Protein backbone atom coordinates (compact mmCIF):
# COMPACT_ATOMS: atom_id res chain seq x y z
CA MET A 1 -55.31 45.54 -50.53
CA THR A 2 -57.40 47.64 -48.19
CA SER A 3 -58.09 51.32 -48.66
CA SER A 4 -55.39 52.09 -46.06
CA GLY A 5 -52.80 50.30 -48.22
CA GLU A 6 -52.52 47.22 -46.02
CA TYR A 7 -52.85 43.65 -47.23
CA THR A 8 -55.66 41.45 -45.96
CA VAL A 9 -54.99 38.18 -44.15
CA SER A 10 -56.28 36.29 -47.18
CA GLU A 11 -53.89 38.08 -49.54
CA THR A 12 -50.93 37.64 -47.22
CA ALA A 13 -51.65 33.96 -46.63
CA ARG A 14 -52.07 33.34 -50.35
CA ALA A 15 -48.74 35.06 -51.06
CA ALA A 16 -47.08 32.87 -48.42
CA GLY A 17 -48.67 29.76 -49.88
CA ILE A 18 -50.64 28.86 -46.74
CA SER A 19 -54.31 28.82 -45.85
CA ARG A 20 -55.98 31.40 -43.63
CA GLN A 21 -56.70 28.60 -41.19
CA ALA A 22 -53.00 27.70 -40.98
CA TYR A 23 -52.15 31.34 -40.33
CA TYR A 24 -54.70 31.64 -37.52
CA LYS A 25 -53.60 28.32 -36.04
CA TRP A 26 -50.01 29.62 -35.97
CA LEU A 27 -51.11 33.00 -34.61
CA ASN A 28 -53.01 31.43 -31.71
CA ARG A 29 -50.47 28.71 -30.89
CA ARG A 30 -48.92 28.31 -27.46
CA LEU A 31 -45.32 29.43 -27.31
CA SER A 32 -42.69 26.86 -26.45
CA LEU A 33 -40.59 27.37 -23.33
CA ARG A 34 -37.68 28.41 -25.53
CA GLU A 35 -39.78 30.98 -27.41
CA GLN A 36 -41.01 32.39 -24.08
CA GLN A 37 -37.45 32.66 -22.79
CA GLU A 38 -36.28 34.31 -26.03
CA ARG A 39 -39.06 36.89 -25.75
CA GLU A 40 -38.09 37.63 -22.14
CA VAL A 41 -34.45 38.09 -23.14
CA LEU A 42 -35.44 40.35 -26.02
CA GLU A 43 -37.61 42.49 -23.71
CA GLU A 44 -34.69 42.82 -21.27
CA ILE A 45 -32.37 43.83 -24.11
CA LYS A 46 -34.88 46.47 -25.25
CA ARG A 47 -35.25 47.76 -21.68
CA ILE A 48 -31.47 48.08 -21.28
CA GLU A 49 -31.12 49.70 -24.71
CA ASN A 50 -33.79 52.24 -23.84
CA GLY A 51 -31.99 53.05 -20.59
CA ILE A 52 -28.71 53.53 -22.41
CA LYS A 53 -30.37 55.87 -24.93
CA ILE A 54 -31.79 57.97 -22.09
CA VAL A 55 -28.36 58.22 -20.43
CA LEU A 56 -26.64 59.14 -23.70
CA ASP A 57 -29.29 61.75 -24.54
CA THR A 58 -28.85 63.27 -21.08
CA ILE A 59 -25.08 63.40 -21.50
CA ARG A 60 -25.45 65.02 -24.93
CA TRP A 61 -27.83 67.57 -23.45
CA PHE A 62 -25.31 68.57 -20.78
CA VAL A 63 -22.34 68.60 -23.16
CA TYR A 64 -23.99 70.87 -25.70
């Protein structure tokens, strides 16, 4: 564990039962078309959610 309380890559990989190399290979992999589409959908959901929060906060501000 680092001085900031975070785990190192080596410690995390060991706890997961994988090598550091496997972790970095996974980290740097190319996303499949499906994964790319899922990320795009998730970003759109977050964008809509943020817009809804702004609208609701504005309504609350005017009501109170």
